[in-house]
Amino acid sequence: MATPFEVLAEPTRRRILDLLRERPRSVGELTEQLGLTQPGTSKHLRVLREAGLVRVRPDAQRRWYELCPEPLAELDAWLAPYRWMWAGRLDALEQHLNTMPSGSDSSAARDDPSVPGPPRPADGDGADPGRRGRTRSEDR
């Protein structure tokens, strides 16, 4: 049996979990949302079910899939000791952003060549209607 990490390495399976996070869904609804074939969707659901990440609930002719949060809580607990690596960086970014001048027309930002400014029109793109279609060398 695959581990939750191996199962979640597949982007389609993560997308299925995202959809099931909102509410339980039928195979047909998941197939439509994912743009896959029904057999393709069913294969992903089987892998998720075997890993304990989803459970199925039969209802007459339909099968409803819903998220099982327990394995995700285990993944979250495993990741907890690593959060310091990005939490500190996000705090530093927030402090940096708080020290920046506010407003997009700051003179410091205008004078700094590394700060992108508004886009400049290319030759013939409306900078001067009289020049449209001419190159700079033709203006000389």
Protein backbone atom coordinates (compact mmCIF):
# COMPACT_ATOMS: atom_id res chain seq x y z
CA MET A 1 0.00 0.00 0.00
CA ALA A 2 1.27 3.48 -0.91
CA THR A 3 1.98 6.06 1.77
CA PRO A 4 -0.06 9.29 1.86
CA PHE A 5 3.02 11.18 0.61
CA GLU A 6 3.29 8.90 -2.44
CA VAL A 7 -0.43 9.18 -3.10
CA LEU A 8 -0.43 12.97 -2.82
CA ALA A 9 2.54 13.33 -5.18
CA GLU A 10 0.02 13.00 -8.02
CA PRO A 11 -1.54 16.42 -8.87
CA THR A 12 -4.89 14.92 -9.94
CA ARG A 13 -5.29 13.26 -6.55
CA ARG A 14 -4.57 16.54 -4.78
CA ARG A 15 -7.22 18.18 -6.98
CA ILE A 16 -9.71 15.47 -5.99
CA LEU A 17 -9.00 16.18 -2.32
CA ASP A 18 -9.49 19.90 -2.96
CA LEU A 19 -12.90 19.19 -4.49
CA LEU A 20 -13.88 16.83 -1.67
CA ARG A 21 -12.82 19.41 0.90
CA GLU A 22 -15.81 21.48 -0.22
CA ARG A 23 -18.35 18.62 0.05
CA PRO A 24 -18.89 14.94 -0.80
CA ARG A 25 -19.12 14.28 -4.52
CA SER A 26 -20.17 11.47 -6.85
CA VAL A 27 -17.78 9.82 -9.31
CA GLY A 28 -19.67 11.45 -12.18
CA GLU A 29 -19.31 14.91 -10.69
CA LEU A 30 -15.61 14.42 -10.02
CA THR A 31 -15.12 13.11 -13.58
CA GLU A 32 -16.79 16.22 -14.97
CA GLN A 33 -14.81 18.61 -12.74
CA LEU A 34 -11.47 16.92 -13.52
CA GLY A 35 -12.02 16.47 -17.25
CA LEU A 36 -11.01 12.81 -17.02
CA THR A 37 -12.68 9.62 -18.13
CA GLN A 38 -14.78 7.76 -15.58
CA PRO A 39 -12.27 4.86 -15.41
CA GLY A 40 -9.41 7.34 -14.92
CA THR A 41 -11.23 9.09 -12.08
CA SER A 42 -12.12 5.74 -10.51
CA LYS A 43 -8.46 4.65 -10.53
CA HIS A 44 -7.43 7.80 -8.64
CA LEU A 45 -10.29 7.36 -6.18
CA ARG A 46 -9.28 3.73 -5.56
CA VAL A 47 -5.72 4.82 -4.72
CA LEU A 48 -7.01 7.56 -2.41
CA ARG A 49 -9.41 5.10 -0.74
CA GLU A 50 -6.68 2.49 -0.21
CA ALA A 51 -4.48 5.15 1.39
CA GLY A 52 -7.34 6.06 3.73
CA LEU A 53 -7.64 9.62 2.41
CA VAL A 54 -11.23 9.21 1.17
CA ARG A 55 -14.17 6.99 2.03
CA VAL A 56 -17.05 5.93 -0.15
CA ARG A 57 -20.70 5.90 0.82
CA PRO A 58 -23.11 4.00 -1.45
CA ASP A 59 -26.50 5.65 -1.99
CA ALA A 60 -28.77 3.65 -4.32
CA GLN A 61 -26.98 3.67 -7.70
CA ARG A 62 -24.50 6.38 -6.74
CA ARG A 63 -21.28 6.24 -4.79
CA TRP A 64 -20.43 9.38 -2.83
CA TYR A 65 -16.80 10.10 -1.98
CA GLU A 66 -15.84 12.19 1.01
CA LEU A 67 -12.61 13.32 2.58
CA CYS A 68 -11.09 11.46 5.54
CA PRO A 69 -9.23 14.12 7.54
CA GLU A 70 -7.33 11.78 9.90
CA PRO A 71 -4.45 10.88 7.53
CA LEU A 72 -4.12 14.56 6.61
CA ALA A 73 -3.84 15.43 10.30
CA GLU A 74 -0.99 12.91 10.54
CA LEU A 75 0.77 14.61 7.60
CA ASP A 76 0.23 17.98 9.24
CA ALA A 77 1.73 16.72 12.50
CA TRP A 78 4.75 15.38 10.63
CA LEU A 79 5.26 18.75 8.88
CA ALA A 80 4.91 20.80 12.09
CA PRO A 81 8.62 20.73 13.05
CA TYR A 82 9.56 22.03 9.59
CA ARG A 83 7.28 25.07 9.62
CA TRP A 84 9.94 27.25 11.25
CA MET A 85 11.83 27.20 7.93
CA TRP A 86 9.17 29.14 6.08
CA ALA A 87 7.49 30.90 9.00
CA GLY A 88 10.65 32.91 9.74
CA ARG A 89 11.00 33.88 6.11
CA LEU A 90 7.40 35.03 5.91
CA ASP A 91 7.88 37.12 9.07
CA ALA A 92 11.00 38.71 7.56
CA LEU A 93 9.11 39.47 4.34
CA GLU A 94 6.30 41.08 6.31
CA GLN A 95 8.78 43.27 8.23
CA HIS A 96 10.47 44.28 4.97
CA LEU A 97 7.16 45.17 3.35
CA ASN A 98 6.17 47.21 6.41
CA THR A 99 9.34 49.34 6.07
CA MET A 100 8.76 50.10 2.38
CA PRO A 101 7.27 53.46 1.42
CA SER A 102 3.56 53.28 0.77
CA GLY A 103 2.02 54.25 -2.53
CA SER A 104 3.17 53.44 -6.02
CA ASP A 105 4.35 56.99 -6.78
CA SER A 106 7.10 57.06 -4.16
CA SER A 107 10.12 58.99 -5.40
CA ALA A 108 12.44 56.32 -3.99
CA ALA A 109 10.69 53.69 -6.09
CA ARG A 110 10.73 55.95 -9.19
CA ASP A 111 14.47 56.56 -8.87
CA ASP A 112 15.38 52.92 -8.23
CA PRO A 113 16.06 51.15 -11.57
CA SER A 114 15.39 47.75 -9.97
CA VAL A 115 11.77 48.71 -9.21
CA PRO A 116 9.62 48.12 -12.30
CA GLY A 117 7.58 51.09 -13.38
CA PRO A 118 4.58 51.38 -15.65
CA PRO A 119 4.94 49.70 -19.04
CA ARG A 120 6.34 51.88 -21.77
CA PRO A 121 4.74 51.65 -25.22
CA ALA A 122 6.83 50.05 -27.93
CA ASP A 123 7.56 51.87 -31.18
CA GLY A 124 4.32 52.43 -33.07
CA ASP A 125 2.16 51.37 -30.11
CA GLY A 126 0.49 54.69 -29.51
CA ALA A 127 3.19 56.70 -27.74
CA ASP A 128 2.84 59.41 -30.37
CA PRO A 129 0.01 59.06 -32.88
CA GLY A 130 2.01 61.04 -35.45
CA ARG A 131 4.82 58.51 -35.32
CA ARG A 132 2.68 55.40 -35.73
CA GLY A 133 4.27 53.00 -38.19
CA ARG A 134 7.58 54.88 -38.39
CA THR A 135 10.82 53.83 -36.77
CA ARG A 136 13.01 56.15 -34.72
CA SER A 137 15.57 56.31 -37.55
CA GLU A 138 12.86 57.60 -39.91
CA ASP A 139 12.14 60.43 -37.44
CA ARG A 140 15.71 61.70 -37.61
